[in-house]
Amino acid sequence: MRNRYVDLLRAVAIIRVVTYHTLGFAWLTVAFPAMGLMFALGGSLMAASLDRSGVQSLARRMRRILPPFWVLGTFAVVIMSIMGGLEHTWRLLLWFFPFTDPPASDWGAPMFGQIWYIRSYLWFIILSPALLWAFRRWPIPSLLVPFTVLVVLWETGHGSGGIVRDFFLYAPAWMLGFAHHDGTLQRISKKVLWPLAAVMGGIGLTLLYSNPGPRGYDLNDAPVADTLWSTAFLLVMLNAAPAVMSLGTAEPVVEAVNRRALTIYLWHEAIIIFVRNAALWLGVSLLGATGGLIQLSAVFLLVAVVVLSLGWVEDLAAKRKPQLIPMPKRNPAAVPEHATPVPA
């Protein structure tokens, strides 16, 4: 059975990501560190899959991700080829198997900057058997080693981005996902966990606010502060995970967002740029509160259109019956879900 708490967190995270990329509010990265949460939930689901099916689950998890990505990759290659500036080399294959960043033209790169998440997620899936083995034998070192490497990378000037930086930035979150699946976090006393989270979060925010980046107090510009604050946030949120949760009337919406989370994430950047270009062409100002509301409303409207048009690919990837609107019928007599999440 599904874990409604995980579903709720994932839905809020994906909505926060789209809102942040649309409006650029730096405070959103602090209020709800969505990327760390998404990797933590991914780690929890991956641990559940490995415990249930072993290494065979790796192919299934990749199958859930790649077909929706192939749709975006086809669009990206075609549109950038038409607009010009895209080099046609063997590296175009990375648009279909993104184990490193695929090539993009200067025109198209801003539309597809979110691909780093898919690339990192695939690497975490591949490495999860070894990571889970290491975590269950040495849980604390498994969290501390990636953070230590991240600090070294940042201090030596190699922490601004890329495969290696992103891996060590989000490895602690992935490991905390393992801990959530195993029930480790839920067993930690709040008398221990809350002070630990307060110290880590306090240090993270101190680093952030004492060294603002080019976008101000944005955690995306401060990876060490990001890891500390996100870890503190995750400790609290995952420790508080209830074994059973009802979403009431919000459940259909939350499930719809979950079943289309990948489609929303993959396409939202291109939609944001389209909305901004359309506003410029029409002479509509997107500045101020009114402009922000117009922009956000247009983005979510077009995201809904894309979800209705292409979201069914996620159903095929998950071997579900394709649905235009992903709101399956509920059995009111169903047994409540247990605490172990299953892949969305």
Protein backbone atom coordinates (compact mmCIF):
# COMPACT_ATOMS: atom_id res chain seq x y z
CA MET A 1 0.00 0.00 0.00
CA ARG A 2 1.06 3.56 -0.60
CA ASN A 3 2.52 5.79 2.08
CA ARG A 4 0.43 8.97 2.11
CA TYR A 5 2.98 10.94 4.07
CA VAL A 6 5.62 10.28 1.40
CA ASP A 7 3.09 11.17 -1.29
CA LEU A 8 2.28 14.46 0.42
CA LEU A 9 5.91 15.45 0.87
CA ARG A 10 6.72 14.65 -2.76
CA ALA A 11 3.72 16.64 -4.03
CA VAL A 12 4.67 19.68 -1.95
CA ALA A 13 8.29 19.36 -3.09
CA ILE A 14 7.48 19.32 -6.80
CA ILE A 15 5.09 22.27 -6.46
CA ARG A 16 7.76 24.17 -4.54
CA VAL A 17 10.33 23.47 -7.27
CA VAL A 18 8.07 24.84 -10.00
CA THR A 19 7.15 27.89 -7.91
CA TYR A 20 10.80 28.64 -7.09
CA HIS A 21 11.94 28.37 -10.70
CA THR A 22 9.06 30.57 -11.80
CA LEU A 23 9.35 33.36 -9.25
CA GLY A 24 12.96 32.96 -8.09
CA PHE A 25 12.22 33.55 -4.40
CA ALA A 26 15.41 32.59 -2.56
CA TRP A 27 13.56 32.16 0.75
CA LEU A 28 11.74 29.14 -0.70
CA THR A 29 15.01 27.18 -0.69
CA VAL A 30 15.21 27.67 3.08
CA ALA A 31 11.52 27.31 3.87
CA PHE A 32 11.30 23.96 2.07
CA PRO A 33 14.56 22.42 0.77
CA ALA A 34 12.79 20.40 -1.89
CA MET A 35 15.71 18.81 -3.73
CA GLY A 36 17.19 17.22 -0.62
CA LEU A 37 13.73 15.92 0.24
CA MET A 38 13.21 14.47 -3.24
CA PHE A 39 16.51 12.60 -3.05
CA ALA A 40 15.68 11.36 0.46
CA LEU A 41 12.32 10.03 -0.69
CA GLY A 42 14.06 8.44 -3.66
CA GLY A 43 16.49 6.71 -1.32
CA SER A 44 13.64 5.41 0.82
CA LEU A 45 11.79 4.02 -2.18
CA MET A 46 14.99 2.51 -3.60
CA ALA A 47 15.74 0.73 -0.31
CA ALA A 48 12.20 -0.67 -0.30
CA SER A 49 12.64 -1.92 -3.87
CA LEU A 50 16.01 -3.52 -3.12
CA ASP A 51 14.65 -5.28 -0.04
CA ARG A 52 11.72 -6.57 -2.02
CA SER A 53 13.33 -7.55 -5.33
CA GLY A 54 17.10 -7.21 -4.98
CA VAL A 55 19.21 -5.87 -7.84
CA GLN A 56 16.43 -6.67 -10.30
CA SER A 57 14.72 -3.54 -9.00
CA LEU A 58 17.41 -1.36 -10.60
CA ALA A 59 16.13 -2.04 -14.10
CA ARG A 60 12.54 -1.40 -13.01
CA ARG A 61 13.43 1.90 -11.36
CA MET A 62 15.33 3.04 -14.45
CA ARG A 63 12.42 1.96 -16.64
CA ARG A 64 10.14 4.25 -14.62
CA ILE A 65 12.39 7.24 -15.38
CA LEU A 66 13.74 6.79 -18.89
CA PRO A 67 10.61 6.67 -21.15
CA PRO A 68 9.28 10.06 -19.94
CA PHE A 69 12.82 11.41 -20.29
CA TRP A 70 13.04 10.05 -23.85
CA VAL A 71 9.98 12.11 -24.78
CA LEU A 72 11.67 15.26 -23.51
CA GLY A 73 14.97 14.23 -25.14
CA THR A 74 13.30 13.82 -28.53
CA PHE A 75 11.71 17.24 -28.21
CA ALA A 76 14.99 18.81 -27.05
CA VAL A 77 17.07 17.41 -29.92
CA VAL A 78 14.47 18.32 -32.55
CA ILE A 79 13.81 21.86 -31.33
CA MET A 80 17.48 22.68 -30.80
CA SER A 81 18.33 21.25 -34.22
CA ILE A 82 15.69 23.48 -35.81
CA MET A 83 16.85 26.58 -33.94
CA GLY A 84 20.52 25.84 -34.65
CA GLY A 85 23.61 25.71 -32.50
CA LEU A 86 23.39 22.02 -31.50
CA GLU A 87 26.38 19.88 -32.43
CA HIS A 88 25.33 16.56 -33.92
CA THR A 89 27.78 14.09 -32.42
CA TRP A 90 27.51 10.79 -30.59
CA ARG A 91 26.88 12.79 -27.41
CA LEU A 92 23.28 13.28 -28.53
CA LEU A 93 22.75 9.76 -27.19
CA LEU A 94 23.05 11.29 -23.72
CA TRP A 95 19.59 12.77 -24.30
CA PHE A 96 18.33 9.22 -24.01
CA PHE A 97 20.79 7.83 -21.45
CA PRO A 98 21.87 10.87 -19.37
CA PHE A 99 24.71 9.43 -17.32
CA THR A 100 26.42 12.77 -17.84
CA ASP A 101 25.05 16.12 -18.96
CA PRO A 102 23.73 15.92 -22.55
CA PRO A 103 24.79 18.58 -25.08
CA ALA A 104 22.65 21.67 -25.51
CA SER A 105 22.76 24.80 -27.62
CA ASP A 106 23.12 28.23 -26.05
CA TRP A 107 19.47 28.82 -26.91
CA GLY A 108 18.21 25.55 -25.48
CA ALA A 109 20.38 25.16 -22.38
CA PRO A 110 18.15 27.29 -20.08
CA MET A 111 15.14 25.18 -21.04
CA PHE A 112 16.73 21.92 -19.98
CA GLY A 113 18.91 22.81 -17.00
CA GLN A 114 16.85 20.49 -14.80
CA ILE A 115 18.43 17.43 -16.45
CA TRP A 116 21.11 17.35 -13.72
CA TYR A 117 18.52 15.85 -11.37
CA ILE A 118 17.73 12.95 -13.70
CA ARG A 119 21.44 12.34 -14.24
CA SER A 120 22.13 12.30 -10.51
CA TYR A 121 19.09 10.14 -9.77
CA LEU A 122 20.21 7.51 -12.27
CA TRP A 123 23.64 7.32 -10.66
CA PHE A 124 22.09 6.95 -7.21
CA ILE A 125 19.92 4.10 -8.51
CA ILE A 126 22.92 2.29 -10.00
CA LEU A 127 25.02 2.73 -6.86
CA SER A 128 22.24 1.99 -4.38
CA PRO A 129 23.06 -1.70 -3.73
CA ALA A 130 26.56 -0.72 -2.61
CA LEU A 131 25.35 2.40 -0.80
CA LEU A 132 22.66 0.50 1.10
CA TRP A 133 25.16 -2.22 2.06
CA ALA A 134 27.59 0.42 3.36
CA PHE A 135 24.88 2.35 5.19
CA ARG A 136 23.57 -0.66 7.08
CA ARG A 137 27.07 -1.50 8.31
CA TRP A 138 28.41 1.98 8.98
CA PRO A 139 25.42 4.38 9.14
CA ILE A 140 27.17 7.38 10.70
CA PRO A 141 30.31 7.25 8.50
CA SER A 142 28.06 6.80 5.47
CA LEU A 143 26.56 10.20 6.25
CA LEU A 144 29.76 11.94 7.32
CA VAL A 145 32.07 10.85 4.48
CA PRO A 146 30.03 12.44 1.66
CA PHE A 147 29.67 15.66 3.66
CA THR A 148 33.43 15.75 4.33
CA VAL A 149 34.19 15.26 0.64
CA LEU A 150 31.73 18.02 -0.25
CA VAL A 151 33.46 20.43 2.13
CA VAL A 152 36.85 19.57 0.59
CA LEU A 153 35.49 20.08 -2.92
CA TRP A 154 34.01 23.45 -1.98
CA GLU A 155 37.10 24.69 -0.18
CA THR A 156 39.36 23.66 -3.07
CA GLY A 157 37.20 25.38 -5.67
CA HIS A 158 35.66 22.24 -7.19
CA GLY A 159 32.24 22.46 -5.58
CA SER A 160 30.30 24.60 -8.03
CA GLY A 161 28.59 21.77 -9.89
CA GLY A 162 28.92 18.61 -11.94
CA ILE A 163 28.41 14.89 -11.39
CA VAL A 164 30.87 14.53 -8.52
CA ARG A 165 29.72 17.61 -6.61
CA ASP A 166 26.06 16.72 -6.99
CA PHE A 167 26.65 13.16 -5.81
CA PHE A 168 28.34 14.20 -2.58
CA LEU A 169 25.87 17.06 -2.08
CA TYR A 170 22.83 14.76 -2.10
CA ALA A 171 24.33 11.47 -0.89
CA PRO A 172 23.51 12.31 2.77
CA ALA A 173 19.87 12.87 1.80
CA TRP A 174 19.78 9.57 -0.11
CA MET A 175 21.23 7.81 2.94
CA LEU A 176 18.64 9.43 5.20
CA GLY A 177 16.07 7.94 2.86
CA PHE A 178 17.58 4.53 3.66
CA ALA A 179 17.27 5.35 7.36
CA HIS A 180 13.64 6.32 6.89
CA HIS A 181 12.86 3.05 5.14
CA ASP A 182 14.61 1.03 7.85
CA GLY A 183 12.75 2.91 10.58
CA THR A 184 16.00 4.16 12.09
CA LEU A 185 14.99 7.82 12.14
CA GLN A 186 11.62 7.07 13.68
CA ARG A 187 13.31 5.28 16.58
CA ILE A 188 15.59 8.18 17.50
CA SER A 189 14.39 10.03 20.58
CA LYS A 190 13.23 13.57 19.90
CA LYS A 191 15.35 14.63 22.88
CA VAL A 192 18.39 13.69 20.81
CA LEU A 193 17.17 14.40 17.31
CA TRP A 194 15.76 17.90 17.79
CA PRO A 195 18.90 19.39 19.41
CA LEU A 196 21.04 17.72 16.72
CA ALA A 197 18.84 19.15 13.98
CA ALA A 198 18.88 22.58 15.64
CA VAL A 199 22.69 22.64 15.76
CA MET A 200 23.12 21.46 12.18
CA GLY A 201 20.44 23.77 10.87
CA GLY A 202 21.82 26.70 12.85
CA ILE A 203 25.31 26.19 11.43
CA GLY A 204 23.89 25.87 7.93
CA LEU A 205 21.89 29.08 8.17
CA THR A 206 24.85 30.91 9.73
CA LEU A 207 27.01 29.92 6.76
CA LEU A 208 24.30 30.98 4.33
CA TYR A 209 23.52 34.37 5.85
CA SER A 210 27.17 35.25 6.51
CA ASN A 211 28.15 34.55 2.88
CA PRO A 212 25.27 35.41 0.52
CA GLY A 213 25.66 34.25 -3.06
CA PRO A 214 24.84 35.92 -6.39
CA ARG A 215 21.12 35.29 -5.81
CA GLY A 216 21.17 36.45 -2.21
CA TYR A 217 20.35 33.98 0.54
CA ASP A 218 19.75 31.10 -1.84
CA LEU A 219 20.83 27.65 -0.67
CA ASN A 220 21.54 26.62 -4.25
CA ASP A 221 24.59 28.90 -4.16
CA ALA A 222 25.90 27.46 -0.88
CA PRO A 223 26.22 23.65 -1.08
CA VAL A 224 27.73 23.15 2.39
CA ALA A 225 25.02 25.25 4.02
CA ASP A 226 22.47 23.49 1.81
CA THR A 227 23.53 20.03 3.02
CA LEU A 228 23.51 21.06 6.68
CA TRP A 229 20.13 22.77 6.53
CA SER A 230 18.55 20.07 4.34
CA THR A 231 19.82 17.32 6.65
CA ALA A 232 18.36 19.09 9.68
CA PHE A 233 15.08 19.54 7.84
CA LEU A 234 14.99 15.89 6.80
CA LEU A 235 15.78 14.63 10.28
CA VAL A 236 12.73 16.43 11.63
CA MET A 237 10.35 15.67 8.74
CA LEU A 238 11.24 11.98 8.41
CA ASN A 239 11.36 11.41 12.16
CA ALA A 240 7.81 12.73 12.32
CA ALA A 241 6.58 10.32 9.63
CA PRO A 242 3.33 8.69 10.81
CA ALA A 243 2.74 4.98 10.19
CA VAL A 244 -0.75 5.73 8.87
CA MET A 245 -2.05 8.97 7.39
CA SER A 246 -5.22 10.06 5.64
CA LEU A 247 -5.21 12.99 3.21
CA GLY A 248 -8.98 13.31 3.12
CA THR A 249 -10.37 15.27 0.17
CA ALA A 250 -6.84 16.28 -0.92
CA GLU A 251 -5.85 12.68 -1.63
CA PRO A 252 -6.88 12.60 -5.35
CA VAL A 253 -4.91 15.77 -6.08
CA VAL A 254 -1.86 14.58 -4.15
CA GLU A 255 -1.91 11.23 -5.96
CA ALA A 256 -2.35 12.93 -9.34
CA VAL A 257 0.72 15.09 -8.70
CA ASN A 258 2.70 12.03 -7.58
CA ARG A 259 1.79 10.01 -10.64
CA ARG A 260 2.83 12.89 -12.88
CA ALA A 261 5.73 14.27 -10.82
CA LEU A 262 8.35 13.34 -13.41
CA THR A 263 6.43 14.91 -16.28
CA ILE A 264 5.92 18.09 -14.25
CA TYR A 265 9.60 18.27 -13.37
CA LEU A 266 10.92 17.51 -16.85
CA TRP A 267 8.83 20.10 -18.67
CA HIS A 268 8.39 22.97 -16.25
CA GLU A 269 11.60 24.84 -17.18
CA ALA A 270 10.71 24.94 -20.87
CA ILE A 271 7.21 26.10 -19.97
CA ILE A 272 8.54 28.89 -17.76
CA ILE A 273 10.74 30.20 -20.59
CA PHE A 274 7.85 29.94 -23.05
CA VAL A 275 5.61 31.97 -20.73
CA ARG A 276 8.26 34.66 -20.29
CA ASN A 277 8.88 34.91 -24.04
CA ALA A 278 5.15 35.01 -24.75
CA ALA A 279 4.68 37.79 -22.18
CA LEU A 280 7.50 39.76 -23.79
CA TRP A 281 5.98 39.32 -27.23
CA LEU A 282 2.52 40.34 -25.99
CA GLY A 283 3.86 43.26 -23.96
CA VAL A 284 2.62 41.85 -20.66
CA SER A 285 4.66 42.79 -17.60
CA LEU A 286 5.57 39.96 -15.25
CA LEU A 287 7.00 42.30 -12.62
CA GLY A 288 5.52 42.92 -9.20
CA ALA A 289 2.89 40.93 -7.36
CA THR A 290 0.38 41.03 -10.21
CA GLY A 291 2.97 40.03 -12.79
CA GLY A 292 4.17 37.21 -10.57
CA LEU A 293 0.64 35.91 -10.15
CA ILE A 294 0.08 36.04 -13.91
CA GLN A 295 3.32 34.19 -14.56
CA LEU A 296 2.73 31.53 -11.93
CA SER A 297 -0.86 30.97 -13.08
CA ALA A 298 0.19 30.65 -16.73
CA VAL A 299 2.99 28.23 -15.86
CA PHE A 300 0.76 25.94 -13.81
CA LEU A 301 -1.94 26.06 -16.49
CA LEU A 302 0.48 25.03 -19.22
CA VAL A 303 2.05 22.39 -16.97
CA ALA A 304 -1.44 20.93 -16.59
CA VAL A 305 -1.84 20.92 -20.39
CA VAL A 306 1.47 19.08 -20.83
CA VAL A 307 0.55 16.63 -18.07
CA LEU A 308 -2.73 15.84 -19.82
CA SER A 309 -0.93 15.49 -23.16
CA LEU A 310 2.16 13.50 -22.16
CA GLY A 311 1.66 12.27 -18.60
CA TRP A 312 0.29 8.92 -19.78
CA VAL A 313 3.87 7.96 -20.70
CA GLU A 314 4.53 7.63 -16.97
CA ASP A 315 1.70 5.09 -16.81
CA LEU A 316 3.25 3.05 -19.61
CA ALA A 317 6.67 3.23 -17.93
CA ALA A 318 5.11 1.92 -14.71
CA LYS A 319 3.14 -0.76 -16.61
CA ARG A 320 -0.13 0.85 -15.62
CA LYS A 321 -3.13 1.38 -17.85
CA PRO A 322 -2.63 4.83 -19.47
CA GLN A 323 -4.91 7.47 -17.98
CA LEU A 324 -5.59 11.03 -19.08
CA ILE A 325 -6.29 12.08 -15.49
CA PRO A 326 -4.40 9.89 -12.99
CA MET A 327 -7.04 9.52 -10.31
CA PRO A 328 -7.78 5.81 -9.82
CA LYS A 329 -10.90 4.70 -8.04
CA ARG A 330 -10.54 3.99 -4.35
CA ASN A 331 -11.79 1.02 -2.39
CA PRO A 332 -13.26 2.57 0.77
CA ALA A 333 -12.77 -0.72 2.59
CA ALA A 334 -9.06 -0.90 1.79
CA VAL A 335 -6.63 -1.56 4.59
CA PRO A 336 -4.63 1.57 5.54
CA GLU A 337 -1.11 1.72 4.11
CA HIS A 338 1.85 0.58 6.19
CA ALA A 339 4.95 2.59 6.91
CA THR A 340 7.14 1.08 4.19
CA PRO A 341 6.72 3.09 0.98
CA VAL A 342 6.46 1.45 -2.40
CA PRO A 343 7.67 3.09 -5.63
CA ALA A 344 5.33 5.71 -6.96
